[in-house]
Amino acid sequence: MTDIRLTQYARGGGCSCKIPPGELETVLTALNAGLTQERDATPAHP
């Protein structure tokens, strides 16, 4: 079996290089829209 190296499909070396900026913005916007977090004055860890 031949090893498949995902890095051979990337033009750059970092993770952000694998996704075009416009697509990354769309994905992050969708992720942020699905997140809801209520914050209060009480710290999570004492």
N, C-alpha and C. Protein backbone atom coordinates (compact mmCIF):
# COMPACT_ATOMS: atom_id res chain seq x y z
N MET A 1 0.85 -1.18 0.00
CA MET A 1 0.00 0.00 0.00
C MET A 1 0.89 1.24 0.00
N THR A 2 0.55 2.20 -0.82
CA THR A 2 1.32 3.44 -0.92
C THR A 2 0.83 4.44 0.12
N ASP A 3 1.77 5.05 0.83
CA ASP A 3 1.41 6.09 1.80
C ASP A 3 0.91 7.32 1.07
N ILE A 4 -0.13 7.91 1.60
CA ILE A 4 -0.66 9.16 1.06
C ILE A 4 -0.27 10.28 2.00
N ARG A 5 0.43 11.26 1.48
CA ARG A 5 0.87 12.39 2.28
C ARG A 5 -0.02 13.59 1.92
N LEU A 6 -0.83 14.01 2.89
CA LEU A 6 -1.73 15.13 2.64
C LEU A 6 -0.98 16.41 2.31
N THR A 7 0.25 16.52 2.79
CA THR A 7 1.04 17.72 2.52
C THR A 7 1.36 17.88 1.04
N GLN A 8 1.27 16.82 0.28
CA GLN A 8 1.56 16.94 -1.16
C GLN A 8 0.48 17.75 -1.88
N TYR A 9 -0.67 17.93 -1.25
CA TYR A 9 -1.76 18.69 -1.86
C TYR A 9 -1.77 20.15 -1.43
N ALA A 10 -0.90 20.54 -0.53
CA ALA A 10 -0.88 21.91 -0.03
C ALA A 10 0.21 22.71 -0.73
N ARG A 11 -0.11 23.95 -1.06
CA ARG A 11 0.89 24.82 -1.69
C ARG A 11 1.83 25.41 -0.67
N GLY A 12 1.36 25.57 0.56
CA GLY A 12 2.17 26.13 1.63
C GLY A 12 2.41 25.08 2.70
N GLY A 13 3.11 25.48 3.73
CA GLY A 13 3.45 24.51 4.76
C GLY A 13 2.53 24.53 5.97
N GLY A 14 1.82 25.62 6.19
CA GLY A 14 0.97 25.71 7.38
C GLY A 14 -0.45 25.28 7.11
N CYS A 15 -1.17 25.03 8.19
CA CYS A 15 -2.56 24.58 8.07
C CYS A 15 -3.43 25.60 7.34
N SER A 16 -3.20 26.88 7.59
CA SER A 16 -4.03 27.89 6.95
C SER A 16 -3.77 27.99 5.45
N CYS A 17 -2.68 27.44 4.99
CA CYS A 17 -2.37 27.46 3.56
C CYS A 17 -3.20 26.44 2.78
N LYS A 18 -3.80 25.51 3.48
CA LYS A 18 -4.55 24.45 2.81
C LYS A 18 -5.97 24.89 2.43
N ILE A 19 -6.46 25.97 3.02
CA ILE A 19 -7.80 26.45 2.75
C ILE A 19 -7.70 27.89 2.25
N PRO A 20 -8.28 28.17 1.09
CA PRO A 20 -8.25 29.55 0.59
C PRO A 20 -8.93 30.50 1.59
N PRO A 21 -8.44 31.75 1.70
CA PRO A 21 -8.95 32.69 2.69
C PRO A 21 -10.47 32.87 2.65
N GLY A 22 -11.05 32.96 1.47
CA GLY A 22 -12.50 33.13 1.37
C GLY A 22 -13.26 31.96 1.94
N GLU A 23 -12.79 30.75 1.66
CA GLU A 23 -13.43 29.56 2.21
C GLU A 23 -13.23 29.47 3.71
N LEU A 24 -12.05 29.84 4.18
CA LEU A 24 -11.77 29.82 5.61
C LEU A 24 -12.70 30.78 6.35
N GLU A 25 -12.91 31.96 5.79
CA GLU A 25 -13.81 32.93 6.41
C GLU A 25 -15.23 32.37 6.49
N THR A 26 -15.69 31.72 5.43
CA THR A 26 -17.02 31.13 5.42
C THR A 26 -17.16 30.06 6.49
N VAL A 27 -16.17 29.20 6.60
CA VAL A 27 -16.20 28.12 7.59
C VAL A 27 -16.19 28.69 9.00
N LEU A 28 -15.30 29.63 9.27
CA LEU A 28 -15.21 30.21 10.61
C LEU A 28 -16.46 30.98 10.99
N THR A 29 -17.06 31.67 10.03
CA THR A 29 -18.30 32.39 10.30
C THR A 29 -19.41 31.41 10.67
N ALA A 30 -19.50 30.31 9.93
CA ALA A 30 -20.51 29.30 10.22
C ALA A 30 -20.27 28.66 11.58
N LEU A 31 -19.03 28.40 11.91
CA LEU A 31 -18.71 27.81 13.21
C LEU A 31 -19.07 28.77 14.34
N ASN A 32 -18.73 30.03 14.16
CA ASN A 32 -19.01 31.03 15.19
C ASN A 32 -20.52 31.19 15.37
N ALA A 33 -21.28 31.10 14.29
CA ALA A 33 -22.73 31.24 14.38
C ALA A 33 -23.34 30.10 15.18
N GLY A 34 -22.71 28.94 15.17
CA GLY A 34 -23.22 27.79 15.89
C GLY A 34 -22.81 27.75 17.35
N LEU A 35 -21.92 28.63 17.74
CA LEU A 35 -21.45 28.65 19.12
C LEU A 35 -22.20 29.70 19.92
N THR A 36 -22.66 29.29 21.06
CA THR A 36 -23.24 30.26 21.99
C THR A 36 -22.62 30.01 23.34
N GLN A 37 -22.14 31.04 23.94
CA GLN A 37 -21.48 30.91 25.23
C GLN A 37 -21.89 32.09 26.09
N GLU A 38 -22.47 31.77 27.21
CA GLU A 38 -22.85 32.82 28.14
C GLU A 38 -21.73 32.98 29.16
N ARG A 39 -21.34 34.19 29.39
CA ARG A 39 -20.29 34.47 30.36
C ARG A 39 -20.88 35.25 31.52
N ASP A 40 -20.41 34.91 32.69
CA ASP A 40 -20.82 35.68 33.85
C ASP A 40 -19.57 36.14 34.59
N ALA A 41 -19.76 36.78 35.70
CA ALA A 41 -18.63 37.33 36.45
C ALA A 41 -17.89 36.27 37.25
N THR A 42 -18.44 35.08 37.34
CA THR A 42 -17.82 34.02 38.12
C THR A 42 -16.77 33.29 37.29
N PRO A 43 -15.53 33.22 37.76
CA PRO A 43 -14.51 32.50 37.01
C PRO A 43 -14.83 31.00 36.97
N ALA A 44 -14.44 30.35 35.89
CA ALA A 44 -14.69 28.92 35.73
C ALA A 44 -13.87 28.10 36.71
N HIS A 45 -12.67 28.58 37.01
CA HIS A 45 -11.78 27.88 37.92
C HIS A 45 -11.38 28.82 39.06
N PRO A 46 -11.55 28.36 40.29
CA PRO A 46 -11.18 29.23 41.43
C PRO A 46 -9.69 29.50 41.50
